Amino acid sequence: MKDLEKRKRVMQRSIRLGHCICNPKKPCPCDLFKERDICLCAGERLEPASGPVRLTRLVENAGCASKIDQASLKRALKDLPFLSDPRVLVGAAAGDDAGVYQLDGNIALVQTVDVFTPCVDDPYTFGQIAAANSVSDIYAMGGRPLTALSILGFPIREVADTVMRDILRGGLDKMAEAKVAVIGGHSINDKEIKAGFAVTGIIDPDKIMTNAGARPGDVLILTKPLGTGILAFAAQIGRAPDGAMEAAARSMAALNKTAAELMVQSGAHACTDITGFGLMGHLGEVASRSKVDVEIILDDLPLLPGVLECLAQGIVPGAVERNRESSAHRAVVDKKVQPALLDLCFDAQTSGGLLIVLPERKAKSLLTRLHKSGISDAAIIGNVLGPGSGRVVVRSTGKRVISALPPAKVVAVSAERRVGTAHQSSSEPCCAEKEKEMAKCCSEGHGSNAPAGAPSGVAEAQQKFLDFMAAAIAPGALDAHTKQAIAIALSVLAKCEPCAKAHIKKARNMGFSQDEIDEAAWMAIAFGGGPLWMFYSSLKKSDQ
């Protein structure tokens, strides 16, 4: 039931100010009120959408890919005046997984906080993953988590409250599994859903596991498979292989508790968990802070099902490029390594595994115990070469090969597009401009706009036609690059000048070269002959 008096009072105030009192960036009345007769400022709520809410469609970057990149973070933290306290055993300057503060000679506090956007569509599962990821930093230090505070960002009144409840319920259940008491929390009204926890634990000051203890001859063990970032992005654009996200969700929701306990018992020298900075970023920190060089074998990296299939299709998220910018300087890559496989090292992981560094003589025993404990994906992925400057040597034995890569030119353009427009909706019409240019393109080219005062049936039919065009042009079995090339060819074949210009403009924004645009047009000319040649030549002149 709408409280019209309250609505009138709130809206009058907004109108007098010239700004919505809930969102000063919007006018009053806002578009939502005009279109759906709902005023969120007056406490009115959107009706929950029928069917399950797909959380990953509500955010730009999924999971730990939403975090600030490593290079930018280091620049921001440089020379900040952190308080010097001798009881801080591991602080911000260490860049480790968690901070450690000594209480007395026998016990120290270990603390961390972690928050990110949904990496799966199911709210309950997302809550579980947020908890598993947050508590993982305590495990990576060799500590025992005790308490947690929940942190939640949520678009209240825009997404059903039941979604928020299910996220919290998933987090509470996972923390209960970890024997961690959630003793409170904090929430904010946010456009994008975010969840996480601030976790406090205890640790023996003499048994702190840092990322700076790797020694020459040590072996590297990774306890979870890689690929969560690639698969989450594939799911966002509707192209995740069957069963892949289910496997990724199980992996992300699994606690690192048992792996951490076995690591401590095995006498490991160093540890970190692999999350948003990717394998290269986190392993590079271990190497740099330990003053050693390390080597990894790409063929030995454990992978989630479907990851190689995604790489073969060029499905790689923009977070890979950001991580590459931050940590590629550490990599020394063997000539045998396929560039597409190297993306695995930069993929932003959410709730990834522990990277355990321990003596070679203990490695096989620990690996056996991990497998017997149900951590079946744990694998030896490399070793510490010797003293060094923090280099990560990447080698391949040739056993793992991607055999169905797209042409190199297309891959390069796709990579450029990922940096600039990685989060464009897969359902956005290719010639859209602020979600309206599809209608403009088609109405100017074909006169399909219904005139003012046209019968409602005509307007409805027009809208259905535009909806069909948007669906037909959206990436599916064919990727966005391929469909854009087809759109250029078809608009030339149809001699639709406004459409051709719109599609060529869109192609340039996607990173198409002029040669690629010309080749697409030549496909149409090959079918249409001389008249189309003349049409396209005239079009190019007018477009310059």
Protein backbone atom coordinates (compact mmCIF):
# COMPACT_ATOMS: atom_id res chain seq x y z
CA MET A 1 0.00 0.00 0.00
CA LYS A 2 1.51 3.33 -1.06
CA ASP A 3 1.51 6.18 1.42
CA LEU A 4 0.55 8.99 -0.97
CA GLU A 5 0.82 11.70 1.69
CA LYS A 6 4.37 10.65 2.46
CA ARG A 7 5.18 10.47 -1.23
CA LYS A 8 3.80 13.99 -1.78
CA ARG A 9 5.79 15.40 1.15
CA VAL A 10 9.06 13.77 0.06
CA MET A 11 8.70 14.61 -3.62
CA GLN A 12 7.76 18.24 -2.94
CA ARG A 13 10.98 18.63 -0.97
CA SER A 14 13.03 17.06 -3.80
CA ILE A 15 11.33 19.19 -6.46
CA ARG A 16 11.99 22.41 -4.50
CA LEU A 17 15.68 21.49 -4.19
CA GLY A 18 15.93 20.45 -7.81
CA HIS A 19 17.53 17.16 -6.77
CA CYS A 20 16.30 13.80 -5.55
CA ILE A 21 16.95 13.70 -1.80
CA CYS A 22 18.01 10.03 -2.02
CA ASN A 23 20.29 10.45 -5.02
CA PRO A 24 21.33 14.05 -5.76
CA LYS A 25 22.55 12.96 -9.21
CA LYS A 26 18.94 12.40 -10.27
CA PRO A 27 16.10 14.88 -10.85
CA CYS A 28 12.69 14.57 -9.30
CA PRO A 29 10.53 12.99 -10.52
CA CYS A 30 13.07 10.35 -11.55
CA ASP A 31 12.81 7.89 -14.43
CA LEU A 32 11.73 5.09 -12.09
CA PHE A 33 8.76 7.14 -10.91
CA LYS A 34 7.79 8.09 -14.45
CA GLU A 35 8.02 4.56 -15.77
CA ARG A 36 6.75 2.48 -12.83
CA ASP A 37 5.02 4.88 -10.41
CA ILE A 38 7.43 4.04 -7.59
CA CYS A 39 9.20 6.52 -5.31
CA LEU A 40 12.03 4.81 -3.43
CA CYS A 41 12.63 7.92 -1.35
CA ALA A 42 9.13 7.57 0.09
CA GLY A 43 9.88 4.02 1.20
CA GLU A 44 8.15 2.33 -1.73
CA ARG A 45 9.77 -0.82 -3.05
CA LEU A 46 10.24 -2.47 -6.39
CA GLU A 47 8.38 -5.73 -6.74
CA PRO A 48 10.94 -8.56 -6.67
CA ALA A 49 11.56 -10.00 -10.12
CA SER A 50 9.97 -13.37 -10.74
CA GLY A 51 12.44 -16.24 -10.60
CA PRO A 52 15.92 -16.25 -9.06
CA VAL A 53 18.05 -13.08 -9.07
CA ARG A 54 21.27 -13.44 -11.09
CA LEU A 55 23.73 -11.62 -8.86
CA THR A 56 26.62 -11.51 -11.34
CA ARG A 57 24.44 -9.54 -13.78
CA LEU A 58 24.11 -6.77 -11.16
CA VAL A 59 27.85 -6.00 -10.96
CA GLU A 60 30.61 -4.97 -13.34
CA ASN A 61 33.52 -7.02 -11.94
CA ALA A 62 32.76 -10.36 -10.34
CA GLY A 63 34.41 -11.57 -7.13
CA CYS A 64 37.97 -10.55 -6.35
CA ALA A 65 38.25 -9.01 -9.82
CA SER A 66 36.42 -6.06 -8.21
CA LYS A 67 39.44 -5.26 -6.05
CA ILE A 68 41.90 -2.46 -6.77
CA ASP A 69 44.86 -3.72 -8.76
CA GLN A 70 48.16 -4.40 -7.03
CA ALA A 71 50.18 -1.63 -8.70
CA SER A 72 47.64 1.10 -7.92
CA LEU A 73 47.32 -0.09 -4.33
CA LYS A 74 51.08 0.00 -3.79
CA ARG A 75 51.28 3.54 -5.14
CA ALA A 76 48.52 4.66 -2.78
CA LEU A 77 50.12 3.01 0.26
CA LYS A 78 53.64 4.25 -0.44
CA ASP A 79 55.06 6.44 2.36
CA LEU A 80 51.82 6.58 4.35
CA PRO A 81 52.55 7.33 8.05
CA PHE A 82 51.60 4.06 9.76
CA LEU A 83 52.13 4.15 13.53
CA SER A 84 55.33 2.45 14.60
CA ASP A 85 54.58 -0.03 17.39
CA PRO A 86 56.98 -2.81 18.45
CA ARG A 87 54.00 -5.07 19.15
CA VAL A 88 53.07 -5.04 15.45
CA LEU A 89 54.78 -8.22 14.28
CA VAL A 90 53.35 -8.13 10.75
CA GLY A 91 51.96 -4.80 9.57
CA ALA A 92 50.78 -2.99 6.45
CA ALA A 93 54.32 -2.50 5.18
CA ALA A 94 54.77 -6.27 4.91
CA GLY A 95 52.01 -6.59 2.35
CA ASP A 96 51.07 -9.95 3.81
CA ASP A 97 47.71 -11.70 4.02
CA ALA A 98 46.88 -10.45 7.53
CA GLY A 99 48.28 -8.27 10.29
CA VAL A 100 49.70 -9.69 13.52
CA TYR A 101 49.74 -7.85 16.86
CA GLN A 102 51.44 -9.33 19.93
CA LEU A 103 49.40 -9.42 23.14
CA ASP A 104 51.95 -11.22 25.35
CA GLY A 105 54.84 -13.66 24.98
CA ASN A 106 52.62 -16.60 24.07
CA ILE A 107 49.80 -15.17 21.98
CA ALA A 108 49.20 -12.63 19.23
CA LEU A 109 46.15 -11.36 17.41
CA VAL A 110 45.93 -11.98 13.66
CA GLN A 111 43.45 -9.76 11.81
CA THR A 112 42.18 -9.32 8.26
CA VAL A 113 39.26 -7.91 6.27
CA ASP A 114 37.96 -8.85 2.83
CA VAL A 115 34.99 -7.61 0.79
CA PHE A 116 34.05 -8.19 -2.86
CA THR A 117 31.17 -8.42 -5.35
CA PRO A 118 29.23 -11.59 -6.27
CA CYS A 119 31.13 -14.20 -8.28
CA VAL A 120 28.15 -16.58 -8.49
CA ASP A 121 24.45 -15.98 -9.06
CA ASP A 122 23.05 -17.79 -6.01
CA PRO A 123 22.92 -15.48 -2.93
CA TYR A 124 23.43 -18.23 -0.34
CA THR A 125 26.46 -19.62 -2.18
CA PHE A 126 27.89 -16.11 -2.55
CA GLY A 127 27.61 -15.64 1.21
CA GLN A 128 29.48 -18.89 1.78
CA ILE A 129 32.25 -17.88 -0.62
CA ALA A 130 32.58 -14.43 0.96
CA ALA A 131 33.09 -16.07 4.35
CA ALA A 132 35.53 -18.72 3.09
CA ASN A 133 37.55 -16.05 1.30
CA SER A 134 37.66 -13.73 4.32
CA VAL A 135 38.78 -16.36 6.78
CA SER A 136 41.40 -17.73 4.37
CA ASP A 137 43.90 -14.96 5.18
CA ILE A 138 43.97 -16.11 8.81
CA TYR A 139 44.66 -19.68 7.70
CA ALA A 140 47.43 -18.48 5.36
CA MET A 141 49.26 -16.96 8.34
CA GLY A 142 48.97 -20.23 10.27
CA GLY A 143 46.47 -18.73 12.72
CA ARG A 144 43.17 -19.86 14.21
CA PRO A 145 40.18 -17.58 13.47
CA LEU A 146 37.87 -16.82 16.39
CA THR A 147 35.46 -13.96 15.61
CA ALA A 148 34.16 -12.07 12.61
CA LEU A 149 32.22 -8.91 11.76
CA SER A 150 30.01 -9.00 8.69
CA ILE A 151 30.30 -6.25 6.05
CA LEU A 152 27.55 -5.83 3.46
CA GLY A 153 26.79 -3.41 0.64
CA PHE A 154 23.31 -3.82 -0.81
CA PRO A 155 20.93 -1.88 -3.13
CA ILE A 156 18.10 -1.82 -0.64
CA ARG A 157 14.57 -1.43 -2.08
CA GLU A 158 15.92 -2.30 -5.53
CA VAL A 159 16.69 -5.97 -4.88
CA ALA A 160 14.49 -8.15 -2.69
CA ASP A 161 15.38 -8.27 1.03
CA THR A 162 15.33 -12.07 0.80
CA VAL A 163 18.49 -11.87 -1.33
CA MET A 164 20.28 -9.96 1.44
CA ARG A 165 19.07 -12.45 4.01
CA ASP A 166 20.30 -15.41 1.96
CA ILE A 167 23.75 -13.83 1.53
CA LEU A 168 24.02 -13.34 5.29
CA ARG A 169 22.70 -16.83 5.96
CA GLY A 170 25.32 -18.36 3.66
CA GLY A 171 28.08 -16.41 5.39
CA LEU A 172 26.89 -17.39 8.86
CA ASP A 173 26.69 -21.07 7.94
CA LYS A 174 30.21 -21.08 6.51
CA MET A 175 31.61 -19.23 9.52
CA ALA A 176 29.90 -21.78 11.77
CA GLU A 177 31.64 -24.53 9.80
CA ALA A 178 34.94 -22.73 10.51
CA LYS A 179 34.00 -22.46 14.23
CA VAL A 180 34.06 -18.66 13.96
CA ALA A 181 31.57 -16.55 15.95
CA VAL A 182 30.01 -13.70 13.96
CA ILE A 183 29.53 -11.04 16.63
CA GLY A 184 28.16 -8.11 14.60
CA GLY A 185 28.66 -6.22 11.39
CA HIS A 186 28.03 -3.17 9.26
CA SER A 187 25.90 -2.50 6.18
CA ILE A 188 25.61 0.28 3.62
CA ASN A 189 23.16 1.07 0.84
CA ASP A 190 25.23 0.49 -2.30
CA LYS A 191 24.46 0.26 -6.02
CA GLU A 192 26.45 -2.96 -6.27
CA ILE A 193 26.15 -5.91 -3.92
CA LYS A 194 29.28 -6.51 -1.86
CA ALA A 195 29.89 -8.88 1.05
CA GLY A 196 32.75 -9.91 3.29
CA PHE A 197 34.01 -10.12 6.84
CA ALA A 198 36.58 -8.62 9.17
CA VAL A 199 38.09 -11.62 10.96
CA THR A 200 40.15 -11.83 14.15
CA GLY A 201 42.13 -14.86 15.25
CA ILE A 202 45.04 -15.89 17.43
CA ILE A 203 48.49 -17.20 16.62
CA ASP A 204 51.68 -18.26 18.37
CA PRO A 205 54.18 -15.40 17.78
CA ASP A 206 56.91 -17.98 17.15
CA LYS A 207 54.92 -19.83 14.48
CA ILE A 208 53.74 -17.02 12.20
CA MET A 209 53.62 -18.08 8.55
CA THR A 210 54.52 -15.09 6.35
CA ASN A 211 55.10 -14.65 2.63
CA ALA A 212 58.80 -13.89 3.20
CA GLY A 213 60.19 -17.27 4.29
CA ALA A 214 60.80 -19.14 1.00
CA ARG A 215 64.26 -20.76 0.77
CA PRO A 216 66.33 -22.12 -2.13
CA GLY A 217 65.35 -25.70 -2.90
CA ASP A 218 61.83 -25.37 -1.48
CA VAL A 219 58.85 -26.76 -3.36
CA LEU A 220 55.60 -24.91 -4.21
CA ILE A 221 52.24 -26.58 -3.54
CA LEU A 222 48.91 -25.05 -4.61
CA THR A 223 45.85 -26.48 -2.87
CA LYS A 224 42.98 -25.32 -5.14
CA PRO A 225 42.53 -25.20 -8.93
CA LEU A 226 42.83 -21.93 -10.84
CA GLY A 227 40.33 -20.31 -13.19
CA THR A 228 37.60 -18.78 -11.02
CA GLY A 229 37.98 -15.32 -12.58
CA ILE A 230 37.82 -16.60 -16.15
CA LEU A 231 34.76 -18.75 -15.42
CA ALA A 232 32.95 -15.98 -13.52
CA PHE A 233 33.41 -13.66 -16.49
CA ALA A 234 32.24 -16.39 -18.86
CA ALA A 235 29.10 -16.78 -16.73
CA GLN A 236 28.48 -13.02 -16.79
CA ILE A 237 28.37 -13.04 -20.59
CA GLY A 238 26.40 -16.30 -20.76
CA ARG A 239 29.21 -18.47 -22.11
CA ALA A 240 30.38 -20.62 -19.19
CA PRO A 241 30.80 -24.30 -20.18
CA ASP A 242 28.26 -26.70 -18.71
CA GLY A 243 29.05 -27.59 -15.11
CA ALA A 244 32.05 -25.27 -14.91
CA MET A 245 30.55 -22.68 -12.55
CA GLU A 246 29.15 -25.39 -10.29
CA ALA A 247 32.67 -26.80 -9.89
CA ALA A 248 34.08 -23.30 -9.36
CA ALA A 249 31.46 -22.55 -6.69
CA ARG A 250 32.32 -25.74 -4.78
CA SER A 251 36.00 -24.85 -4.87
CA MET A 252 35.48 -21.23 -3.79
CA ALA A 253 33.16 -22.21 -0.93
CA ALA A 254 35.62 -24.76 0.47
CA LEU A 255 37.53 -23.66 3.56
CA ASN A 256 41.34 -23.67 3.59
CA LYS A 257 41.18 -24.81 7.22
CA THR A 258 42.43 -28.39 6.77
CA ALA A 259 45.14 -27.37 4.32
CA ALA A 260 46.40 -24.76 6.79
CA GLU A 261 46.50 -27.23 9.68
CA LEU A 262 48.45 -29.76 7.61
CA MET A 263 50.78 -27.01 6.37
CA VAL A 264 51.70 -25.99 9.92
CA GLN A 265 52.22 -29.61 10.95
CA SER A 266 54.53 -30.13 7.96
CA GLY A 267 56.86 -27.29 8.91
CA ALA A 268 56.30 -25.05 5.89
CA HIS A 269 58.58 -22.06 5.40
CA ALA A 270 56.08 -19.63 3.81
CA CYS A 271 52.49 -19.35 2.67
CA THR A 272 50.02 -17.04 0.98
CA ASP A 273 46.54 -17.52 -0.45
CA ILE A 274 45.90 -16.88 -4.13
CA THR A 275 43.15 -14.29 -4.60
CA GLY A 276 42.61 -11.06 -6.54
CA PHE A 277 46.18 -10.41 -7.69
CA GLY A 278 46.37 -13.82 -9.37
CA LEU A 279 49.05 -16.48 -9.08
CA MET A 280 51.73 -14.20 -10.55
CA GLY A 281 50.93 -11.31 -8.23
CA HIS A 282 50.88 -13.33 -5.02
CA LEU A 283 53.75 -15.67 -5.90
CA GLY A 284 55.76 -12.67 -7.08
CA GLU A 285 55.35 -11.12 -3.63
CA VAL A 286 56.57 -14.32 -1.99
CA ALA A 287 59.62 -14.39 -4.26
CA SER A 288 60.38 -10.69 -3.84
CA ARG A 289 60.02 -10.58 -0.06
CA SER A 290 61.95 -13.84 0.33
CA LYS A 291 64.70 -12.51 -1.98
CA VAL A 292 64.58 -15.60 -4.18
CA ASP A 293 63.70 -16.56 -7.75
CA VAL A 294 61.07 -19.25 -8.32
CA GLU A 295 59.96 -21.48 -11.17
CA ILE A 296 56.50 -22.78 -12.06
CA ILE A 297 55.46 -25.35 -14.67
CA LEU A 298 52.28 -24.26 -16.47
CA ASP A 299 51.35 -27.85 -17.30
CA ASP A 300 51.24 -28.72 -13.59
CA LEU A 301 48.86 -25.96 -12.50
CA PRO A 302 45.55 -27.46 -11.30
CA LEU A 303 42.65 -26.03 -13.30
CA LEU A 304 38.89 -25.95 -12.97
CA PRO A 305 36.91 -27.73 -15.71
CA GLY A 306 36.07 -25.52 -18.68
CA VAL A 307 38.91 -23.03 -18.19
CA LEU A 308 40.94 -24.18 -21.19
CA GLU A 309 37.78 -24.13 -23.32
CA CYS A 310 37.22 -20.49 -22.35
CA LEU A 311 40.82 -19.56 -23.13
CA ALA A 312 40.52 -21.22 -26.54
CA GLN A 313 37.55 -18.94 -27.30
CA GLY A 314 39.28 -15.79 -26.07
CA ILE A 315 37.02 -15.48 -23.03
CA VAL A 316 39.41 -13.64 -20.73
CA PRO A 317 38.29 -10.91 -18.28
CA GLY A 318 39.77 -7.43 -18.02
CA ALA A 319 41.17 -8.26 -14.56
CA VAL A 320 43.78 -10.41 -16.32
CA GLU A 321 45.04 -7.32 -18.14
CA ARG A 322 45.12 -5.26 -14.93
CA ASN A 323 47.04 -7.96 -13.10
CA ARG A 324 49.41 -8.27 -16.04
CA GLU A 325 50.15 -4.55 -15.82
CA SER A 326 50.92 -4.94 -12.11
CA SER A 327 53.07 -8.07 -12.08
CA ALA A 328 54.22 -9.02 -15.60
CA HIS A 329 57.61 -7.44 -14.85
CA ARG A 330 58.29 -10.36 -12.50
CA ALA A 331 57.69 -13.02 -15.16
CA VAL A 332 60.44 -14.66 -17.19
CA VAL A 333 58.52 -16.66 -19.78
CA ASP A 334 59.92 -19.63 -21.69
CA LYS A 335 59.48 -19.46 -25.49
CA LYS A 336 57.47 -22.70 -25.42
CA VAL A 337 54.69 -21.10 -23.35
CA GLN A 338 51.53 -20.26 -25.30
CA PRO A 339 50.47 -16.66 -24.61
CA ALA A 340 46.89 -17.74 -23.94
CA LEU A 341 48.04 -20.22 -21.28
CA LEU A 342 50.04 -17.48 -19.59
CA ASP A 343 46.72 -15.73 -18.86
CA LEU A 344 46.18 -18.39 -16.18
CA CYS A 345 48.93 -16.81 -14.11
CA PHE A 346 47.20 -13.41 -14.08
CA ASP A 347 43.61 -14.57 -13.53
CA ALA A 348 42.08 -12.96 -10.44
CA GLN A 349 41.05 -15.75 -8.09
CA THR A 350 38.22 -15.58 -5.59
CA SER A 351 38.65 -17.69 -2.44
CA GLY A 352 41.60 -19.46 -4.04
CA GLY A 353 43.89 -22.05 -2.54
CA LEU A 354 46.91 -21.79 -0.30
CA LEU A 355 50.31 -21.52 -1.95
CA ILE A 356 52.53 -23.46 0.45
CA VAL A 357 56.33 -23.25 0.32
CA LEU A 358 58.16 -26.04 2.14
CA PRO A 359 61.32 -28.20 1.97
CA GLU A 360 61.44 -30.69 -0.89
CA ARG A 361 61.85 -33.64 1.49
CA LYS A 362 58.47 -32.81 3.09
CA ALA A 363 56.53 -31.93 -0.04
CA LYS A 364 55.42 -35.39 -1.19
CA SER A 365 54.29 -36.33 2.31
CA LEU A 366 52.20 -33.15 2.63
CA LEU A 367 50.71 -33.69 -0.84
CA THR A 368 49.67 -37.22 0.10
CA ARG A 369 48.04 -36.02 3.33
CA LEU A 370 46.20 -33.26 1.46
CA HIS A 371 44.81 -35.76 -1.03
CA LYS A 372 43.75 -38.15 1.73
CA SER A 373 41.96 -35.25 3.43
CA GLY A 374 39.83 -34.65 0.35
CA ILE A 375 41.89 -31.80 -1.12
CA SER A 376 42.28 -33.73 -4.35
CA ASP A 377 43.30 -30.81 -6.60
CA ALA A 378 46.40 -29.97 -4.56
CA ALA A 379 49.50 -30.16 -6.74
CA ILE A 380 53.19 -29.37 -6.80
CA ILE A 381 53.51 -26.51 -9.29
CA GLY A 382 57.17 -25.52 -9.07
CA ASN A 383 60.13 -24.81 -6.85
CA VAL A 384 62.44 -22.12 -5.47
CA LEU A 385 65.48 -21.81 -7.76
CA GLY A 386 67.80 -19.91 -5.46
CA PRO A 387 68.64 -16.42 -4.18
CA GLY A 388 67.32 -13.75 -6.50
CA SER A 389 65.38 -10.56 -7.10
CA GLY A 390 61.84 -11.98 -7.07
CA ARG A 391 61.60 -13.31 -10.62
CA VAL A 392 59.00 -15.94 -11.53
CA VAL A 393 60.25 -18.21 -14.31
CA VAL A 394 57.34 -19.74 -16.26
CA ARG A 395 58.05 -22.94 -18.18
CA SER A 396 56.01 -25.44 -20.17
CA THR A 397 56.65 -29.11 -20.89
CA GLY A 398 54.27 -28.96 -23.85
CA LYS A 399 51.75 -31.38 -22.32
CA ARG A 400 49.05 -28.71 -22.01
CA VAL A 401 48.22 -27.00 -25.31
CA ILE A 402 45.32 -24.86 -26.49
CA SER A 403 44.67 -26.09 -30.00
CA ALA A 404 41.62 -24.09 -31.08
CA LEU A 405 42.62 -20.49 -30.58
CA PRO A 406 40.94 -17.81 -32.72
CA PRO A 407 43.13 -16.00 -35.29
CA ALA A 408 45.82 -13.88 -33.67
CA LYS A 409 44.43 -10.63 -35.09
CA VAL A 410 41.03 -11.22 -33.53
CA VAL A 411 42.58 -12.16 -30.17
CA ALA A 412 44.62 -8.95 -30.12
CA VAL A 413 41.59 -6.79 -30.81
CA SER A 414 39.56 -8.67 -28.19
CA ALA A 415 42.31 -8.01 -25.64
CA GLU A 416 42.17 -4.28 -26.38
CA ARG A 417 38.40 -4.33 -26.01
CA ARG A 418 38.63 -6.16 -22.70
CA VAL A 419 40.73 -3.37 -21.22
CA GLY A 420 38.33 -0.64 -22.25
CA THR A 421 34.87 -2.21 -22.30
CA ALA A 422 35.17 -5.53 -20.54
CA HIS A 423 31.89 -5.12 -18.76
CA GLN A 424 29.57 -4.20 -21.60
CA SER A 425 26.35 -6.11 -21.23
CA SER A 426 26.16 -9.12 -23.51
CA SER A 427 22.58 -8.19 -24.35
CA GLU A 428 23.32 -4.59 -25.34
CA PRO A 429 22.45 -3.84 -28.99
CA CYS A 430 25.69 -3.43 -30.93
CA CYS A 431 24.74 -0.03 -32.30
CA ALA A 432 23.32 1.15 -28.98
CA GLU A 433 24.19 4.53 -27.57
CA LYS A 434 22.84 4.94 -24.08
CA GLU A 435 20.50 2.04 -24.89
CA LYS A 436 18.67 4.15 -27.53
CA GLU A 437 20.82 4.21 -30.66
CA MET A 438 19.48 0.88 -31.90
CA ALA A 439 16.07 2.49 -32.30
CA LYS A 440 17.64 5.57 -33.90
CA CYS A 441 19.73 3.51 -36.32
CA CYS A 442 16.79 1.40 -37.45
CA SER A 443 14.25 4.21 -37.55
CA GLU A 444 16.50 6.44 -39.65
CA GLY A 445 17.48 3.59 -41.94
CA HIS A 446 14.13 1.89 -42.40
CA GLY A 447 11.47 4.33 -41.22
CA SER A 448 10.27 1.89 -38.61
CA ASN A 449 9.47 4.45 -35.91
CA ALA A 450 5.77 4.66 -35.27
CA PRO A 451 4.46 8.20 -35.90
CA ALA A 452 3.09 10.27 -33.03
CA GLY A 453 -0.36 9.10 -32.11
CA ALA A 454 0.07 5.72 -33.79
CA PRO A 455 -2.12 2.90 -32.44
CA SER A 456 -0.64 1.14 -29.39
CA GLY A 457 -0.42 -2.11 -31.34
CA VAL A 458 1.94 -0.50 -33.84
CA ALA A 459 4.20 0.86 -31.10
CA GLU A 460 4.17 -2.51 -29.33
CA ALA A 461 5.07 -4.34 -32.55
CA GLN A 462 7.90 -1.91 -33.18
CA GLN A 463 9.29 -2.46 -29.69
CA LYS A 464 9.12 -6.22 -30.10
CA PHE A 465 11.02 -5.91 -33.38
CA LEU A 466 13.72 -3.80 -31.70
CA ASP A 467 13.92 -6.31 -28.84
CA PHE A 468 14.36 -9.09 -31.40
CA MET A 469 17.15 -7.15 -33.14
CA ALA A 470 18.93 -6.58 -29.82
CA ALA A 471 18.75 -10.31 -29.03
CA ALA A 472 19.92 -11.31 -32.52
CA ILE A 473 22.92 -8.99 -32.39
CA ALA A 474 23.95 -9.89 -28.82
CA PRO A 475 26.94 -12.27 -28.44
CA GLY A 476 26.02 -15.93 -28.20
CA ALA A 477 27.49 -18.86 -30.09
CA LEU A 478 29.25 -16.15 -32.13
CA ASP A 479 31.32 -13.64 -30.14
CA ALA A 480 30.75 -9.87 -30.21
CA HIS A 481 33.65 -9.23 -32.60
CA THR A 482 32.38 -11.71 -35.19
CA LYS A 483 28.80 -10.41 -34.99
CA GLN A 484 29.96 -6.83 -35.41
CA ALA A 485 31.81 -7.78 -38.61
CA ILE A 486 28.64 -9.50 -39.88
CA ALA A 487 26.60 -6.39 -39.00
CA ILE A 488 28.91 -4.23 -41.14
CA ALA A 489 28.61 -6.64 -44.07
CA LEU A 490 24.82 -6.86 -43.85
CA SER A 491 24.31 -3.11 -43.52
CA VAL A 492 26.45 -2.58 -46.64
CA LEU A 493 24.54 -5.34 -48.43
CA ALA A 494 21.27 -3.59 -47.51
CA LYS A 495 22.68 -0.21 -48.70
CA CYS A 496 21.53 1.25 -45.37
CA GLU A 497 23.82 4.26 -44.95
CA PRO A 498 22.76 5.23 -41.39
CA CYS A 499 23.05 1.60 -40.26
CA ALA A 500 26.42 1.11 -41.91
CA LYS A 501 27.78 4.29 -40.34
CA ALA A 502 26.49 3.29 -36.90
CA HIS A 503 27.97 -0.21 -37.14
CA ILE A 504 31.33 1.07 -38.42
CA LYS A 505 31.47 3.57 -35.56
CA LYS A 506 30.67 0.81 -33.08
CA ALA A 507 33.35 -1.42 -34.63
CA ARG A 508 36.00 1.28 -34.24
CA ASN A 509 35.05 1.73 -30.59
CA MET A 510 35.51 -2.04 -30.15
CA GLY A 511 39.04 -1.82 -31.56
CA PHE A 512 38.49 -2.85 -35.19
CA SER A 513 41.21 -1.76 -37.60
CA GLN A 514 40.29 -0.14 -40.91
CA ASP A 515 41.51 -3.29 -42.69
CA GLU A 516 39.04 -5.40 -40.71
CA ILE A 517 36.18 -3.02 -41.49
CA ASP A 518 37.10 -3.07 -45.18
CA GLU A 519 37.26 -6.87 -45.24
CA ALA A 520 33.80 -7.13 -43.68
CA ALA A 521 32.42 -4.74 -46.29
CA TRP A 522 34.16 -6.67 -49.09
CA MET A 523 32.21 -9.78 -48.05
CA ALA A 524 29.02 -7.87 -48.91
CA ILE A 525 30.51 -6.48 -52.13
CA ALA A 526 31.52 -10.01 -53.20
CA PHE A 527 27.85 -10.99 -53.05
CA GLY A 528 26.32 -7.75 -54.31
CA GLY A 529 28.71 -6.77 -57.07
CA GLY A 530 29.54 -3.37 -58.57
CA PRO A 531 26.65 -1.31 -57.19
CA LEU A 532 27.70 -2.16 -53.64
CA TRP A 533 31.30 -1.32 -54.46
CA MET A 534 30.16 2.16 -55.50
CA PHE A 535 27.95 2.45 -52.40
CA TYR A 536 30.77 1.55 -50.00
CA SER A 537 33.31 3.78 -51.76
CA SER A 538 30.91 6.71 -51.44
CA LEU A 539 30.23 5.79 -47.80
CA LYS A 540 33.95 5.76 -46.94
CA LYS A 541 34.46 9.18 -48.50
CA SER A 542 31.59 10.69 -46.53
CA ASP A 543 32.83 9.05 -43.34
CA GLN A 544 36.31 10.53 -43.53
